[in-house]
Amino acid sequence: MSLSFPNPSRDFQKSRNAVGFTGYDGMFEVQFFVDIDALAKLDTSSIASGTAESRWLNAFDALRTSILDVAREVYANSRRTTYLLTAADFR
């Protein structure tokens, strides 16, 4: 099976300093987290105003397509159950 993202929900996790989302490989759940430093480097337009949570969720939403593409790529290279995506993953 391939990795899919049928649930568009995402959440800001202050303790992890990241935005989390979930992918599925068949019946297996795969947790992903995007480091906010990566979001800041990728999307400077969404981080200017609002609460920390809304800034990072807006940045994630603006970059969702590329984030999901990177998530699929890293998952294909090593199938684990949890990933932290950093700026280095976005080339």
PDB file of N, CA and C in Angstrom:
ATOM      1  N   MET A   1       0.840  -1.187   0.000  1.00  0.00           N
ATOM      2  CA  MET A   1       0.000   0.000   0.000  1.00  0.00           C
ATOM      3  C   MET A   1       0.881   1.245   0.000  1.00  0.00           C
ATOM      4  N   SER A   2       0.296   2.340  -0.349  1.00  0.00           N
ATOM      5  CA  SER A   2       1.038   3.598  -0.319  1.00  0.00           C
ATOM      6  C   SER A   2       0.485   4.493   0.787  1.00  0.00           C
ATOM      7  N   LEU A   3       1.269   5.462   1.148  1.00  0.00           N
ATOM      8  CA  LEU A   3       0.899   6.385   2.206  1.00  0.00           C
ATOM      9  C   LEU A   3      -0.159   7.355   1.714  1.00  0.00           C
ATOM     10  N   SER A   4      -1.218   7.523   2.499  1.00  0.00           N
ATOM     11  CA  SER A   4      -2.286   8.466   2.139  1.00  0.00           C
ATOM     12  C   SER A   4      -2.599   9.352   3.341  1.00  0.00           C
ATOM     13  N   PHE A   5      -3.269  10.447   3.056  1.00  0.00           N
ATOM     14  CA  PHE A   5      -3.625  11.427   4.085  1.00  0.00           C
ATOM     15  C   PHE A   5      -5.106  11.772   3.961  1.00  0.00           C
ATOM     16  N   PRO A   6      -5.990  10.818   4.302  1.00  0.00           N
ATOM     17  CA  PRO A   6      -7.423  11.057   4.122  1.00  0.00           C
ATOM     18  C   PRO A   6      -8.008  12.053   5.125  1.00  0.00           C
ATOM     19  N   ASN A   7      -7.347  12.254   6.241  1.00  0.00           N
ATOM     20  CA  ASN A   7      -7.838  13.160   7.270  1.00  0.00           C
ATOM     21  C   ASN A   7      -7.021  14.456   7.212  1.00  0.00           C
ATOM     22  N   PRO A   8      -7.622  15.576   6.844  1.00  0.00           N
ATOM     23  CA  PRO A   8      -6.869  16.827   6.693  1.00  0.00           C
ATOM     24  C   PRO A   8      -6.528  17.530   8.009  1.00  0.00           C
ATOM     25  N   SER A   9      -6.894  16.946   9.139  1.00  0.00           N
ATOM     26  CA  SER A   9      -6.646  17.630  10.407  1.00  0.00           C
ATOM     27  C   SER A   9      -5.152  17.702  10.709  1.00  0.00           C
ATOM     28  N   ARG A  10      -4.794  18.731  11.438  1.00  0.00           N
ATOM     29  CA  ARG A  10      -3.439  18.953  11.901  1.00  0.00           C
ATOM     30  C   ARG A  10      -3.545  19.717  13.194  1.00  0.00           C
ATOM     31  N   ASP A  11      -2.507  19.642  14.019  1.00  0.00           N
ATOM     32  CA  ASP A  11      -2.577  20.349  15.288  1.00  0.00           C
ATOM     33  C   ASP A  11      -1.200  20.880  15.679  1.00  0.00           C
ATOM     34  N   PHE A  12      -1.223  22.038  16.321  1.00  0.00           N
ATOM     35  CA  PHE A  12       0.011  22.641  16.812  1.00  0.00           C
ATOM     36  C   PHE A  12       0.336  22.012  18.151  1.00  0.00           C
ATOM     37  N   GLN A  13       1.538  21.512  18.281  1.00  0.00           N
ATOM     38  CA  GLN A  13       1.965  20.884  19.521  1.00  0.00           C
ATOM     39  C   GLN A  13       3.120  21.696  20.103  1.00  0.00           C
ATOM     40  N   LYS A  14       2.750  22.565  21.027  1.00  0.00           N
ATOM     41  CA  LYS A  14       3.718  23.476  21.622  1.00  0.00           C
ATOM     42  C   LYS A  14       4.873  22.723  22.274  1.00  0.00           C
ATOM     43  N   SER A  15       4.583  21.623  22.942  1.00  0.00           N
ATOM     44  CA  SER A  15       5.626  20.864  23.636  1.00  0.00           C
ATOM     45  C   SER A  15       6.663  20.278  22.669  1.00  0.00           C
ATOM     46  N   ARG A  16       6.247  19.983  21.449  1.00  0.00           N
ATOM     47  CA  ARG A  16       7.153  19.455  20.426  1.00  0.00           C
ATOM     48  C   ARG A  16       7.714  20.552  19.532  1.00  0.00           C
ATOM     49  N   ASN A  17       7.146  21.751  19.632  1.00  0.00           N
ATOM     50  CA  ASN A  17       7.547  22.857  18.765  1.00  0.00           C
ATOM     51  C   ASN A  17       7.322  22.474  17.302  1.00  0.00           C
ATOM     52  N   ALA A  18       6.139  21.904  17.046  1.00  0.00           N
ATOM     53  CA  ALA A  18       5.862  21.348  15.725  1.00  0.00           C
ATOM     54  C   ALA A  18       4.360  21.309  15.454  1.00  0.00           C
ATOM     55  N   VAL A  19       4.029  21.118  14.187  1.00  0.00           N
ATOM     56  CA  VAL A  19       2.656  20.862  13.771  1.00  0.00           C
ATOM     57  C   VAL A  19       2.580  19.375  13.425  1.00  0.00           C
ATOM     58  N   GLY A  20       1.597  18.699  14.013  1.00  0.00           N
ATOM     59  CA  GLY A  20       1.449  17.272  13.795  1.00  0.00           C
ATOM     60  C   GLY A  20       0.316  16.944  12.845  1.00  0.00           C
ATOM     61  N   PHE A  21       0.481  15.850  12.115  1.00  0.00           N
ATOM     62  CA  PHE A  21      -0.567  15.339  11.227  1.00  0.00           C
ATOM     63  C   PHE A  21      -0.362  13.842  11.069  1.00  0.00           C
ATOM     64  N   THR A  22      -1.358  13.162  10.527  1.00  0.00           N
ATOM     65  CA  THR A  22      -1.340  11.704  10.459  1.00  0.00           C
ATOM     66  C   THR A  22      -1.504  11.215   9.032  1.00  0.00           C
ATOM     67  N   GLY A  23      -0.721  10.203   8.702  1.00  0.00           N
ATOM     68  CA  GLY A  23      -0.851   9.505   7.430  1.00  0.00           C
ATOM     69  C   GLY A  23      -1.224   8.062   7.698  1.00  0.00           C
ATOM     70  N   TYR A  24      -1.651   7.375   6.652  1.00  0.00           N
ATOM     71  CA  TYR A  24      -2.051   5.975   6.790  1.00  0.00           C
ATOM     72  C   TYR A  24      -1.464   5.154   5.658  1.00  0.00           C
ATOM     73  N   ASP A  25      -0.893   4.026   6.033  1.00  0.00           N
ATOM     74  CA  ASP A  25      -0.419   3.035   5.074  1.00  0.00           C
ATOM     75  C   ASP A  25      -1.287   1.807   5.318  1.00  0.00           C
ATOM     76  N   GLY A  26      -2.364   1.724   4.555  1.00  0.00           N
ATOM     77  CA  GLY A  26      -3.350   0.681   4.823  1.00  0.00           C
ATOM     78  C   GLY A  26      -3.977   0.936   6.174  1.00  0.00           C
ATOM     79  N   MET A  27      -3.868  -0.031   7.065  1.00  0.00           N
ATOM     80  CA  MET A  27      -4.449   0.123   8.393  1.00  0.00           C
ATOM     81  C   MET A  27      -3.445   0.688   9.399  1.00  0.00           C
ATOM     82  N   PHE A  28      -2.218   0.926   8.964  1.00  0.00           N
ATOM     83  CA  PHE A  28      -1.185   1.432   9.867  1.00  0.00           C
ATOM     84  C   PHE A  28      -1.163   2.952   9.895  1.00  0.00           C
ATOM     85  N   GLU A  29      -1.181   3.500  11.103  1.00  0.00           N
ATOM     86  CA  GLU A  29      -1.147   4.949  11.303  1.00  0.00           C
ATOM     87  C   GLU A  29       0.309   5.399  11.420  1.00  0.00           C
ATOM     88  N   VAL A  30       0.625   6.507  10.746  1.00  0.00           N
ATOM     89  CA  VAL A  30       1.980   7.052  10.769  1.00  0.00           C
ATOM     90  C   VAL A  30       1.881   8.516  11.205  1.00  0.00           C
ATOM     91  N   GLN A  31       2.571   8.850  12.288  1.00  0.00           N
ATOM     92  CA  GLN A  31       2.540  10.216  12.819  1.00  0.00           C
ATOM     93  C   GLN A  31       3.679  11.035  12.229  1.00  0.00           C
ATOM     94  N   PHE A  32       3.354  12.240  11.802  1.00  0.00           N
ATOM     95  CA  PHE A  32       4.342  13.175  11.284  1.00  0.00           C
ATOM     96  C   PHE A  32       4.277  14.470  12.079  1.00  0.00           C
ATOM     97  N   PHE A  33       5.431  15.092  12.246  1.00  0.00           N
ATOM     98  CA  PHE A  33       5.533  16.393  12.888  1.00  0.00           C
ATOM     99  C   PHE A  33       6.439  17.257  12.020  1.00  0.00           C
ATOM    100  N   VAL A  34       6.006  18.485  11.752  1.00  0.00           N
ATOM    101  CA  VAL A  34       6.831  19.441  11.005  1.00  0.00           C
ATOM    102  C   VAL A  34       7.341  20.464  11.997  1.00  0.00           C
ATOM    103  N   ASP A  35       8.642  20.526  12.121  1.00  0.00           N
ATOM    104  CA  ASP A  35       9.292  21.466  13.028  1.00  0.00           C
ATOM    105  C   ASP A  35       8.934  22.902  12.625  1.00  0.00           C
ATOM    106  N   ILE A  36       8.621  23.753  13.593  1.00  0.00           N
ATOM    107  CA  ILE A  36       8.223  25.125  13.240  1.00  0.00           C
ATOM    108  C   ILE A  36       9.373  25.920  12.622  1.00  0.00           C
ATOM    109  N   ASP A  37      10.614  25.553  12.898  1.00  0.00           N
ATOM    110  CA  ASP A  37      11.732  26.213  12.223  1.00  0.00           C
ATOM    111  C   ASP A  37      11.674  25.958  10.716  1.00  0.00           C
ATOM    112  N   ALA A  38      11.277  24.755  10.338  1.00  0.00           N
ATOM    113  CA  ALA A  38      11.119  24.435   8.917  1.00  0.00           C
ATOM    114  C   ALA A  38       9.994  25.263   8.311  1.00  0.00           C
ATOM    115  N   LEU A  39       8.874  25.371   9.031  1.00  0.00           N
ATOM    116  CA  LEU A  39       7.756  26.177   8.531  1.00  0.00           C
ATOM    117  C   LEU A  39       8.161  27.638   8.386  1.00  0.00           C
ATOM    118  N   ALA A  40       8.930  28.147   9.332  1.00  0.00           N
ATOM    119  CA  ALA A  40       9.362  29.551   9.279  1.00  0.00           C
ATOM    120  C   ALA A  40      10.252  29.807   8.073  1.00  0.00           C
ATOM    121  N   LYS A  41      11.107  28.856   7.740  1.00  0.00           N
ATOM    122  CA  LYS A  41      12.004  29.029   6.590  1.00  0.00           C
ATOM    123  C   LYS A  41      11.261  28.897   5.271  1.00  0.00           C
ATOM    124  N   LEU A  42      10.211  28.078   5.257  1.00  0.00           N
ATOM    125  CA  LEU A  42       9.490  27.809   4.019  1.00  0.00           C
ATOM    126  C   LEU A  42       8.397  28.823   3.714  1.00  0.00           C
ATOM    127  N   ASP A  43       7.786  29.400   4.734  1.00  0.00           N
ATOM    128  CA  ASP A  43       6.652  30.300   4.512  1.00  0.00           C
ATOM    129  C   ASP A  43       6.708  31.483   5.470  1.00  0.00           C
ATOM    130  N   THR A  44       7.368  32.535   5.055  1.00  0.00           N
ATOM    131  CA  THR A  44       7.477  33.712   5.912  1.00  0.00           C
ATOM    132  C   THR A  44       6.207  34.560   5.893  1.00  0.00           C
ATOM    133  N   SER A  45       5.338  34.356   4.919  1.00  0.00           N
ATOM    134  CA  SER A  45       4.136  35.190   4.813  1.00  0.00           C
ATOM    135  C   SER A  45       3.088  34.870   5.877  1.00  0.00           C
ATOM    136  N   SER A  46       3.055  33.642   6.367  1.00  0.00           N
ATOM    137  CA  SER A  46       2.005  33.240   7.310  1.00  0.00           C
ATOM    138  C   SER A  46       2.376  33.434   8.766  1.00  0.00           C
ATOM    139  N   ILE A  47       3.587  33.858   9.051  1.00  0.00           N
ATOM    140  CA  ILE A  47       4.021  33.895  10.442  1.00  0.00           C
ATOM    141  C   ILE A  47       4.046  35.297  11.032  1.00  0.00           C
ATOM    142  N   ALA A  48       3.511  36.264  10.333  1.00  0.00           N
ATOM    143  CA  ALA A  48       3.621  37.651  10.773  1.00  0.00           C
ATOM    144  C   ALA A  48       2.649  38.039  11.889  1.00  0.00           C
ATOM    145  N   SER A  49       1.476  37.460  11.914  1.00  0.00           N
ATOM    146  CA  SER A  49       0.495  37.920  12.901  1.00  0.00           C
ATOM    147  C   SER A  49      -0.311  36.756  13.467  1.00  0.00           C
ATOM    148  N   GLY A  50      -1.048  37.045  14.533  1.00  0.00           N
ATOM    149  CA  GLY A  50      -1.898  36.049  15.161  1.00  0.00           C
ATOM    150  C   GLY A  50      -1.186  35.319  16.278  1.00  0.00           C
ATOM    151  N   THR A  51      -1.902  34.389  16.888  1.00  0.00           N
ATOM    152  CA  THR A  51      -1.314  33.586  17.951  1.00  0.00           C
ATOM    153  C   THR A  51      -0.286  32.623  17.355  1.00  0.00           C
ATOM    154  N   ALA A  52       0.565  32.092  18.195  1.00  0.00           N
ATOM    155  CA  ALA A  52       1.561  31.134  17.712  1.00  0.00           C
ATOM    156  C   ALA A  52       0.871  29.956  17.016  1.00  0.00           C
ATOM    157  N   GLU A  53      -0.171  29.452  17.633  1.00  0.00           N
ATOM    158  CA  GLU A  53      -0.884  28.319  17.051  1.00  0.00           C
ATOM    159  C   GLU A  53      -1.435  28.653  15.671  1.00  0.00           C
ATOM    160  N   SER A  54      -2.106  29.787  15.530  1.00  0.00           N
ATOM    161  CA  SER A  54      -2.699  30.133  14.233  1.00  0.00           C
ATOM    162  C   SER A  54      -1.626  30.413  13.183  1.00  0.00           C
ATOM    163  N   ARG A  55      -0.523  31.027  13.578  1.00  0.00           N
ATOM    164  CA  ARG A  55       0.569  31.289  12.619  1.00  0.00           C
ATOM    165  C   ARG A  55       1.103  29.997  12.038  1.00  0.00           C
ATOM    166  N   TRP A  56       1.389  29.013  12.897  1.00  0.00           N
ATOM    167  CA  TRP A  56       1.988  27.770  12.409  1.00  0.00           C
ATOM    168  C   TRP A  56       0.985  26.908  11.666  1.00  0.00           C
ATOM    169  N   LEU A  57      -0.271  26.914  12.081  1.00  0.00           N
ATOM    170  CA  LEU A  57      -1.281  26.154  11.338  1.00  0.00           C
ATOM    171  C   LEU A  57      -1.529  26.774   9.968  1.00  0.00           C
ATOM    172  N   ASN A  58      -1.530  28.103   9.879  1.00  0.00           N
ATOM    173  CA  ASN A  58      -1.675  28.771   8.581  1.00  0.00           C
ATOM    174  C   ASN A  58      -0.492  28.473   7.672  1.00  0.00           C
ATOM    175  N   ALA A  59       0.715  28.471   8.236  1.00  0.00           N
ATOM    176  CA  ALA A  59       1.904  28.138   7.451  1.00  0.00           C
ATOM    177  C   ALA A  59       1.808  26.706   6.938  1.00  0.00           C
ATOM    178  N   PHE A  60       1.383  25.788   7.805  1.00  0.00           N
ATOM    179  CA  PHE A  60       1.212  24.395   7.391  1.00  0.00           C
ATOM    180  C   PHE A  60       0.198  24.300   6.249  1.00  0.00           C
ATOM    181  N   ASP A  61      -0.932  24.962   6.412  1.00  0.00           N
ATOM    182  CA  ASP A  61      -1.973  24.910   5.377  1.00  0.00           C
ATOM    183  C   ASP A  61      -1.468  25.455   4.042  1.00  0.00           C
ATOM    184  N   ALA A  62      -0.701  26.529   4.084  1.00  0.00           N
ATOM    185  CA  ALA A  62      -0.166  27.125   2.853  1.00  0.00           C
ATOM    186  C   ALA A  62       0.818  26.179   2.151  1.00  0.00           C
ATOM    187  N   LEU A  63       1.476  25.334   2.934  1.00  0.00           N
ATOM    188  CA  LEU A  63       2.507  24.442   2.396  1.00  0.00           C
ATOM    189  C   LEU A  63       2.082  22.976   2.363  1.00  0.00           C
ATOM    190  N   ARG A  64       0.813  22.715   2.606  1.00  0.00           N
ATOM    191  CA  ARG A  64       0.330  21.336   2.770  1.00  0.00           C
ATOM    192  C   ARG A  64       0.779  20.409   1.637  1.00  0.00           C
ATOM    193  N   THR A  65       0.641  20.806   0.402  1.00  0.00           N
ATOM    194  CA  THR A  65       0.983  19.921  -0.719  1.00  0.00           C
ATOM    195  C   THR A  65       2.452  19.509  -0.667  1.00  0.00           C
ATOM    196  N   SER A  66       3.344  20.471  -0.475  1.00  0.00           N
ATOM    197  CA  SER A  66       4.764  20.120  -0.432  1.00  0.00           C
ATOM    198  C   SER A  66       5.108  19.332   0.835  1.00  0.00           C
ATOM    199  N   ILE A  67       4.458  19.637   1.944  1.00  0.00           N
ATOM    200  CA  ILE A  67       4.701  18.883   3.181  1.00  0.00           C
ATOM    201  C   ILE A  67       4.292  17.421   3.004  1.00  0.00           C
ATOM    202  N   LEU A  68       3.137  17.182   2.411  1.00  0.00           N
ATOM    203  CA  LEU A  68       2.683  15.802   2.203  1.00  0.00           C
ATOM    204  C   LEU A  68       3.591  15.070   1.221  1.00  0.00           C
ATOM    205  N   ASP A  69       4.085  15.772   0.204  1.00  0.00           N
ATOM    206  CA  ASP A  69       5.032  15.166  -0.741  1.00  0.00           C
ATOM    207  C   ASP A  69       6.313  14.739  -0.028  1.00  0.00           C
ATOM    208  N   VAL A  70       6.832  15.604   0.830  1.00  0.00           N
ATOM    209  CA  VAL A  70       8.045  15.279   1.593  1.00  0.00           C
ATOM    210  C   VAL A  70       7.770  14.127   2.551  1.00  0.00           C
ATOM    211  N   ALA A  71       6.611  14.132   3.186  1.00  0.00           N
ATOM    212  CA  ALA A  71       6.253  13.037   4.093  1.00  0.00           C
ATOM    213  C   ALA A  71       6.236  11.706   3.350  1.00  0.00           C
ATOM    214  N   ARG A  72       5.670  11.685   2.158  1.00  0.00           N
ATOM    215  CA  ARG A  72       5.651  10.449   1.361  1.00  0.00           C
ATOM    216  C   ARG A  72       7.072  10.007   1.017  1.00  0.00           C
ATOM    217  N   GLU A  73       7.907  10.956   0.671  1.00  0.00           N
ATOM    218  CA  GLU A  73       9.289  10.648   0.292  1.00  0.00           C
ATOM    219  C   GLU A  73      10.075  10.052   1.469  1.00  0.00           C
ATOM    220  N   VAL A  74      10.009  10.689   2.630  1.00  0.00           N
ATOM    221  CA  VAL A  74      10.764  10.165   3.772  1.00  0.00           C
ATOM    222  C   VAL A  74      10.208   8.824   4.231  1.00  0.00           C
ATOM    223  N   TYR A  75       8.907   8.648   4.132  1.00  0.00           N
ATOM    224  CA  TYR A  75       8.295   7.375   4.508  1.00  0.00           C
ATOM    225  C   TYR A  75       8.736   6.262   3.563  1.00  0.00           C
ATOM    226  N   ALA A  76       8.815   6.553   2.284  1.00  0.00           N
ATOM    227  CA  ALA A  76       9.234   5.549   1.300  1.00  0.00           C
ATOM    228  C   ALA A  76      10.675   5.105   1.535  1.00  0.00           C
ATOM    229  N   ASN A  77      11.505   6.002   2.069  1.00  0.00           N
ATOM    230  CA  ASN A  77      12.916   5.679   2.313  1.00  0.00           C
ATOM    231  C   ASN A  77      13.138   4.860   3.567  1.00  0.00           C
ATOM    232  N   SER A  78      12.275   4.984   4.552  1.00  0.00           N
ATOM    233  CA  SER A  78      12.407   4.198   5.787  1.00  0.00           C
ATOM    234  C   SER A  78      11.059   4.166   6.496  1.00  0.00           C
ATOM    235  N   ARG A  79      10.433   3.059   6.478  1.00  0.00           N
ATOM    236  CA  ARG A  79       9.078   2.952   7.032  1.00  0.00           C
ATOM    237  C   ARG A  79       9.111   2.838   8.546  1.00  0.00           C
ATOM    238  N   ARG A  80       8.775   3.942   9.184  1.00  0.00           N
ATOM    239  CA  ARG A  80       8.676   3.986  10.648  1.00  0.00           C
ATOM    240  C   ARG A  80       7.261   4.432  11.002  1.00  0.00           C
ATOM    241  N   THR A  81       7.000   4.593  12.281  1.00  0.00           N
ATOM    242  CA  THR A  81       5.666   5.010  12.705  1.00  0.00           C
ATOM    243  C   THR A  81       5.617   6.476  13.105  1.00  0.00           C
ATOM    244  N   THR A  82       6.780   7.117  13.283  1.00  0.00           N
ATOM    245  CA  THR A  82       6.835   8.522  13.676  1.00  0.00           C
ATOM    246  C   THR A  82       7.991   9.215  12.957  1.00  0.00           C
ATOM    247  N   TYR A  83       7.720  10.431  12.486  1.00  0.00           N
ATOM    248  CA  TYR A  83       8.727  11.217  11.782  1.00  0.00           C
ATOM    249  C   TYR A  83       8.681  12.664  12.253  1.00  0.00           C
ATOM    250  N   LEU A  84       9.840  13.283  12.333  1.00  0.00           N
ATOM    251  CA  LEU A  84       9.952  14.721  12.535  1.00  0.00           C
ATOM    252  C   LEU A  84      10.566  15.301  11.281  1.00  0.00           C
ATOM    253  N   LEU A  85       9.791  16.103  10.549  1.00  0.00           N
ATOM    254  CA  LEU A  85      10.280  16.743   9.334  1.00  0.00           C
ATOM    255  C   LEU A  85      10.945  18.060   9.704  1.00  0.00           C
ATOM    256  N   THR A  86      12.171  18.233   9.256  1.00  0.00           N
ATOM    257  CA  THR A  86      12.914  19.460   9.542  1.00  0.00           C
ATOM    258  C   THR A  86      13.211  20.181   8.233  1.00  0.00           C
ATOM    259  N   ALA A  87      13.818  21.360   8.331  1.00  0.00           N
ATOM    260  CA  ALA A  87      14.149  22.128   7.125  1.00  0.00           C
ATOM    261  C   ALA A  87      15.016  21.333   6.168  1.00  0.00           C
ATOM    262  N   ALA A  88      15.866  20.456   6.682  1.00  0.00           N
ATOM    263  CA  ALA A  88      16.742  19.640   5.835  1.00  0.00           C
ATOM    264  C   ALA A  88      15.962  18.686   4.930  1.00  0.00           C
ATOM    265  N   ASP A  89      14.753  18.321   5.324  1.00  0.00           N
ATOM    266  CA  ASP A  89      13.937  17.421   4.506  1.00  0.00           C
ATOM    267  C   ASP A  89      13.331  18.118   3.291  1.00  0.00           C
ATOM    268  N   PHE A  90      13.283  19.440   3.321  1.00  0.00           N
ATOM    269  CA  PHE A  90      12.681  20.225   2.236  1.00  0.00           C
ATOM    270  C   PHE A  90      13.804  20.812   1.395  1.00  0.00           C
ATOM    271  N   ARG A  91      14.152  20.136   0.321  1.00  0.00           N
ATOM    272  CA  ARG A  91      15.263  20.592  -0.523  1.00  0.00           C
ATOM    273  C   ARG A  91      14.769  21.428  -1.660  1.00  0.00           C
TER     274      ARG A  91
END
